[in-house]
């Protein structure tokens, strides 16, 4: 096995294990929002996109409507469509099952690993290994988080209200560092979304501010054309 292949496998598995642990936070957040263990697991298995899952249970937990929760999750998940367009020629999956599997595993981490690989073969390897590791870990830890949260007392249950915002901050923070691509845009998007959500929270039903913030930051983070003033 070549050194490049070994390094790709090591990085993919390492990233997958680290990200998969976030499933504990999602399982706990889902339980705090009133979902059963099987419902939390179904979301992780069928939706499998962390930001959208946290948005959905966050809106439900805040008393928002199902429509607002689904709208927030869908808006946050639209970025995966853009990733899919980028990855389609690189992965070129054959057959309906492989295409469906590849589409389901198109998330931030698999895209980053595939695009960063030195060649097409290693890009495919990075995508599938990262996706499989995260998927298995995320679903397993979702169950652990949901079961663990359901056994907590009342005071500890109340503290779970902080799980969703804490998880979002953990996902967001690395993207604000200067080493991250387009870090200035990322910071502008983060600040804009936070301001919109904070201003709307006192005056709109729960969940609506999340939808509005997603739309606002999509406009704020839109790339500028060359020569635009």
Foldseek 3Di string as FASTA:
>chain_A
DDPLLVVLLVVLLVVLLVLLLLLLLLLLLQVLLPDALVVLLCCCQQVVEPLLSLQLSLLSNQVHDNVLSNLLSVLVPVVLVVLCVVCCVLQVDDDPVRVVVLSNQRYDQLSVSLVPRPDSVSSNVSNVSNSVSNSVSSSVSSSVNNVVNVPDDDVVSVVSNCSSVVSVCVVLVVLCDPVHPPNVLSVQLVVQLVVQLVVCVVPDRRSPSSSVSSVRSCVSSDDDDPPDD
